[in-house]
Amino acid sequence: YANREAEVELARKQRIAVERATQKLAREDRQVRLKWSRKRVVGGVHTKQSLTKIMKDFGEVDDVELLGSKGNAALVTFVDGSSCKPCVEAYRTSETMRATFVGRRKIDDTARGEDEDNDVRETTTTTRQEDIETMEER
């Protein structure tokens, strides 16, 4: 009987762990990490309210969590995950603020960037090989 209770308890704990991990991943899919230059921000600091106001352009904001001790980073959680991509795209080339994906989307975005780098490397390698062949023919 004791073994059966132990198995049931272990199964319950595993189920709870899986549920928590699933909830965390679902939340991370709706999050964007922001980092900004304190020199370029009026007053040098953003507040939860100022970031919420800025991020509302991309979608409804669920939560803003200020990160670090320097006061130049935050984690923004949107109500809908589809708000993340326009935010990251809008700040991709900004000099005042950067936005990056969190969690699985970050991994996908990084992999996409590496694929683009590999395409450039392959093109460069092919061009160099063609140049060498051309030189050998001369």
C-alpha atoms as a PDB file:
ATOM      1  CA  TYR A   1       0.000   0.000   0.000  1.00  0.00           C
ATOM      2  CA  ALA A   2       2.864   2.383   0.828  1.00  0.00           C
ATOM      3  CA  ASN A   3       4.445   1.848  -2.603  1.00  0.00           C
ATOM      4  CA  ARG A   4       1.185   2.711  -4.318  1.00  0.00           C
ATOM      5  CA  GLU A   5       0.877   5.938  -2.273  1.00  0.00           C
ATOM      6  CA  ALA A   6       4.452   6.868  -3.165  1.00  0.00           C
ATOM      7  CA  GLU A   7       3.756   6.271  -6.878  1.00  0.00           C
ATOM      8  CA  VAL A   8       0.588   8.372  -6.749  1.00  0.00           C
ATOM      9  CA  GLU A   9       2.418  11.194  -4.939  1.00  0.00           C
ATOM     10  CA  LEU A  10       5.298  11.093  -7.439  1.00  0.00           C
ATOM     11  CA  ALA A  11       2.848  11.208 -10.366  1.00  0.00           C
ATOM     12  CA  ARG A  12       1.062  14.195  -8.768  1.00  0.00           C
ATOM     13  CA  LYS A  13       4.344  16.090  -8.298  1.00  0.00           C
ATOM     14  CA  GLN A  14       5.385  15.374 -11.889  1.00  0.00           C
ATOM     15  CA  ARG A  15       2.014  16.578 -13.181  1.00  0.00           C
ATOM     16  CA  ILE A  16       2.342  19.814 -11.172  1.00  0.00           C
ATOM     17  CA  ALA A  17       5.883  20.357 -12.473  1.00  0.00           C
ATOM     18  CA  VAL A  18       4.721  19.897 -16.064  1.00  0.00           C
ATOM     19  CA  GLU A  19       1.835  22.326 -15.552  1.00  0.00           C
ATOM     20  CA  ARG A  20       4.171  24.967 -14.087  1.00  0.00           C
ATOM     21  CA  ALA A  21       6.654  24.552 -16.929  1.00  0.00           C
ATOM     22  CA  THR A  22       3.847  24.837 -19.487  1.00  0.00           C
ATOM     23  CA  GLN A  23       2.543  28.008 -17.833  1.00  0.00           C
ATOM     24  CA  LYS A  24       6.039  29.498 -17.760  1.00  0.00           C
ATOM     25  CA  LEU A  25       6.570  28.764 -21.470  1.00  0.00           C
ATOM     26  CA  ALA A  26       3.166  30.225 -22.335  1.00  0.00           C
ATOM     27  CA  ARG A  27       4.039  33.384 -20.402  1.00  0.00           C
ATOM     28  CA  GLU A  28       7.498  33.645 -22.002  1.00  0.00           C
ATOM     29  CA  ASP A  29       5.879  33.429 -25.448  1.00  0.00           C
ATOM     30  CA  ARG A  30       4.124  36.706 -24.607  1.00  0.00           C
ATOM     31  CA  GLN A  31       7.220  38.482 -23.260  1.00  0.00           C
ATOM     32  CA  VAL A  32       9.751  40.902 -24.688  1.00  0.00           C
ATOM     33  CA  ARG A  33      12.965  41.993 -22.976  1.00  0.00           C
ATOM     34  CA  LEU A  34      13.695  45.705 -23.335  1.00  0.00           C
ATOM     35  CA  LYS A  35      17.011  47.449 -22.831  1.00  0.00           C
ATOM     36  CA  TRP A  36      17.579  51.151 -23.374  1.00  0.00           C
ATOM     37  CA  SER A  37      20.317  53.741 -23.236  1.00  0.00           C
ATOM     38  CA  ARG A  38      19.974  55.895 -20.128  1.00  0.00           C
ATOM     39  CA  LYS A  39      21.869  58.676 -21.916  1.00  0.00           C
ATOM     40  CA  ARG A  40      19.246  58.920 -24.661  1.00  0.00           C
ATOM     41  CA  VAL A  41      16.130  58.721 -22.477  1.00  0.00           C
ATOM     42  CA  VAL A  42      14.801  62.005 -21.119  1.00  0.00           C
ATOM     43  CA  GLY A  43      15.485  61.851 -17.385  1.00  0.00           C
ATOM     44  CA  GLY A  44      17.550  58.691 -17.952  1.00  0.00           C
ATOM     45  CA  VAL A  45      14.944  56.325 -16.503  1.00  0.00           C
ATOM     46  CA  HIS A  46      11.741  54.616 -17.585  1.00  0.00           C
ATOM     47  CA  THR A  47       9.000  53.687 -15.131  1.00  0.00           C
ATOM     48  CA  LYS A  48       6.442  50.896 -15.348  1.00  0.00           C
ATOM     49  CA  GLN A  49       3.864  53.472 -16.405  1.00  0.00           C
ATOM     50  CA  SER A  50       6.043  55.037 -19.125  1.00  0.00           C
ATOM     51  CA  LEU A  51       6.938  51.625 -20.579  1.00  0.00           C
ATOM     52  CA  THR A  52       3.299  50.512 -20.472  1.00  0.00           C
ATOM     53  CA  LYS A  53       2.329  53.655 -22.374  1.00  0.00           C
ATOM     54  CA  ILE A  54       5.020  53.095 -25.021  1.00  0.00           C
ATOM     55  CA  MET A  55       4.265  49.390 -25.460  1.00  0.00           C
ATOM     56  CA  LYS A  56       0.496  49.909 -25.823  1.00  0.00           C
ATOM     57  CA  ASP A  57       1.220  50.833 -29.447  1.00  0.00           C
ATOM     58  CA  PHE A  58       1.929  47.138 -30.069  1.00  0.00           C
ATOM     59  CA  GLY A  59      -0.864  45.602 -28.000  1.00  0.00           C
ATOM     60  CA  GLU A  60      -2.407  45.380 -24.556  1.00  0.00           C
ATOM     61  CA  VAL A  61       0.233  45.104 -21.832  1.00  0.00           C
ATOM     62  CA  ASP A  62      -0.311  42.551 -19.055  1.00  0.00           C
ATOM     63  CA  ASP A  63       2.724  43.356 -16.886  1.00  0.00           C
ATOM     64  CA  VAL A  64       5.973  45.326 -16.812  1.00  0.00           C
ATOM     65  CA  GLU A  65       8.831  44.177 -14.597  1.00  0.00           C
ATOM     66  CA  LEU A  66      11.872  46.436 -14.236  1.00  0.00           C
ATOM     67  CA  LEU A  67      15.119  44.425 -14.224  1.00  0.00           C
ATOM     68  CA  GLY A  68      18.570  45.016 -12.813  1.00  0.00           C
ATOM     69  CA  SER A  69      19.995  47.726 -10.634  1.00  0.00           C
ATOM     70  CA  LYS A  70      20.960  50.155 -13.408  1.00  0.00           C
ATOM     71  CA  GLY A  71      17.378  50.969 -14.346  1.00  0.00           C
ATOM     72  CA  ASN A  72      17.824  50.369 -18.064  1.00  0.00           C
ATOM     73  CA  ALA A  73      16.087  47.016 -18.633  1.00  0.00           C
ATOM     74  CA  ALA A  74      12.600  45.572 -18.319  1.00  0.00           C
ATOM     75  CA  LEU A  75      10.514  42.536 -19.102  1.00  0.00           C
ATOM     76  CA  VAL A  76       7.195  43.359 -20.765  1.00  0.00           C
ATOM     77  CA  THR A  77       4.420  40.768 -20.863  1.00  0.00           C
ATOM     78  CA  PHE A  78       1.711  41.308 -23.449  1.00  0.00           C
ATOM     79  CA  VAL A  79      -1.804  39.898 -23.199  1.00  0.00           C
ATOM     80  CA  ASP A  80      -1.415  38.417 -26.695  1.00  0.00           C
ATOM     81  CA  GLY A  81       1.808  36.850 -27.974  1.00  0.00           C
ATOM     82  CA  SER A  82       1.301  38.292 -31.458  1.00  0.00           C
ATOM     83  CA  SER A  83       2.198  41.734 -30.046  1.00  0.00           C
ATOM     84  CA  CYS A  84       5.817  40.662 -29.505  1.00  0.00           C
ATOM     85  CA  LYS A  85       6.948  40.463 -33.119  1.00  0.00           C
ATOM     86  CA  PRO A  86       5.925  44.026 -34.128  1.00  0.00           C
ATOM     87  CA  CYS A  87       7.614  45.330 -30.979  1.00  0.00           C
ATOM     88  CA  VAL A  88      10.885  43.510 -31.676  1.00  0.00           C
ATOM     89  CA  GLU A  89      10.795  44.555 -35.339  1.00  0.00           C
ATOM     90  CA  ALA A  90      10.111  48.213 -34.463  1.00  0.00           C
ATOM     91  CA  TYR A  91      13.105  48.425 -32.115  1.00  0.00           C
ATOM     92  CA  ARG A  92      15.493  46.251 -34.131  1.00  0.00           C
ATOM     93  CA  THR A  93      17.372  49.278 -35.516  1.00  0.00           C
ATOM     94  CA  SER A  94      16.574  51.816 -32.797  1.00  0.00           C
ATOM     95  CA  GLU A  95      19.476  53.594 -31.128  1.00  0.00           C
ATOM     96  CA  THR A  96      17.527  54.379 -27.956  1.00  0.00           C
ATOM     97  CA  MET A  97      15.943  51.009 -27.131  1.00  0.00           C
ATOM     98  CA  ARG A  98      16.337  47.325 -28.052  1.00  0.00           C
ATOM     99  CA  ALA A  99      13.649  44.665 -27.803  1.00  0.00           C
ATOM    100  CA  THR A 100      14.325  40.928 -27.926  1.00  0.00           C
ATOM    101  CA  PHE A 101      12.188  37.816 -27.697  1.00  0.00           C
ATOM    102  CA  VAL A 102      12.157  35.706 -24.540  1.00  0.00           C
ATOM    103  CA  GLY A 103      11.975  31.888 -24.325  1.00  0.00           C
ATOM    104  CA  ARG A 104      11.256  29.732 -27.377  1.00  0.00           C
ATOM    105  CA  ARG A 105      10.804  32.714 -29.659  1.00  0.00           C
ATOM    106  CA  LYS A 106      14.284  33.926 -28.741  1.00  0.00           C
ATOM    107  CA  ILE A 107      15.699  30.558 -29.800  1.00  0.00           C
ATOM    108  CA  ASP A 108      13.754  30.706 -33.096  1.00  0.00           C
ATOM    109  CA  ASP A 109      14.931  34.273 -33.780  1.00  0.00           C
ATOM    110  CA  THR A 110      18.567  33.358 -33.034  1.00  0.00           C
ATOM    111  CA  ALA A 111      18.380  30.301 -35.300  1.00  0.00           C
ATOM    112  CA  ARG A 112      16.940  32.416 -38.114  1.00  0.00           C
ATOM    113  CA  GLY A 113      19.834  34.877 -37.761  1.00  0.00           C
ATOM    114  CA  GLU A 114      22.369  32.041 -37.894  1.00  0.00           C
ATOM    115  CA  ASP A 115      20.730  30.680 -41.061  1.00  0.00           C
ATOM    116  CA  GLU A 116      21.121  34.085 -42.691  1.00  0.00           C
ATOM    117  CA  ASP A 117      24.796  34.179 -41.612  1.00  0.00           C
ATOM    118  CA  ASN A 118      25.327  30.684 -43.059  1.00  0.00           C
ATOM    119  CA  ASP A 119      23.790  31.785 -46.376  1.00  0.00           C
ATOM    120  CA  VAL A 120      26.247  34.697 -46.525  1.00  0.00           C
ATOM    121  CA  ARG A 121      29.181  32.394 -45.670  1.00  0.00           C
ATOM    122  CA  GLU A 122      28.148  29.871 -48.347  1.00  0.00           C
ATOM    123  CA  THR A 123      27.846  32.622 -50.969  1.00  0.00           C
ATOM    124  CA  THR A 124      31.241  34.036 -50.002  1.00  0.00           C
ATOM    125  CA  THR A 125      32.863  30.586 -50.108  1.00  0.00           C
ATOM    126  CA  THR A 126      31.347  29.872 -53.524  1.00  0.00           C
ATOM    127  CA  THR A 127      32.561  33.226 -54.865  1.00  0.00           C
ATOM    128  CA  ARG A 128      36.088  32.605 -53.533  1.00  0.00           C
ATOM    129  CA  GLN A 129      36.182  29.139 -55.125  1.00  0.00           C
ATOM    130  CA  GLU A 130      35.066  30.621 -58.463  1.00  0.00           C
ATOM    131  CA  ASP A 131      37.800  33.272 -58.190  1.00  0.00           C
ATOM    132  CA  ILE A 132      40.442  30.610 -57.513  1.00  0.00           C
ATOM    133  CA  GLU A 133      39.259  28.511 -60.493  1.00  0.00           C
ATOM    134  CA  THR A 134      39.346  31.612 -62.712  1.00  0.00           C
ATOM    135  CA  MET A 135      42.906  32.423 -61.574  1.00  0.00           C
ATOM    136  CA  GLU A 136      44.033  28.845 -62.226  1.00  0.00           C
ATOM    137  CA  GLU A 137      42.624  28.978 -65.752  1.00  0.00           C
ATOM    138  CA  ARG A 138      44.729  32.087 -66.534  1.00  0.00           C
END
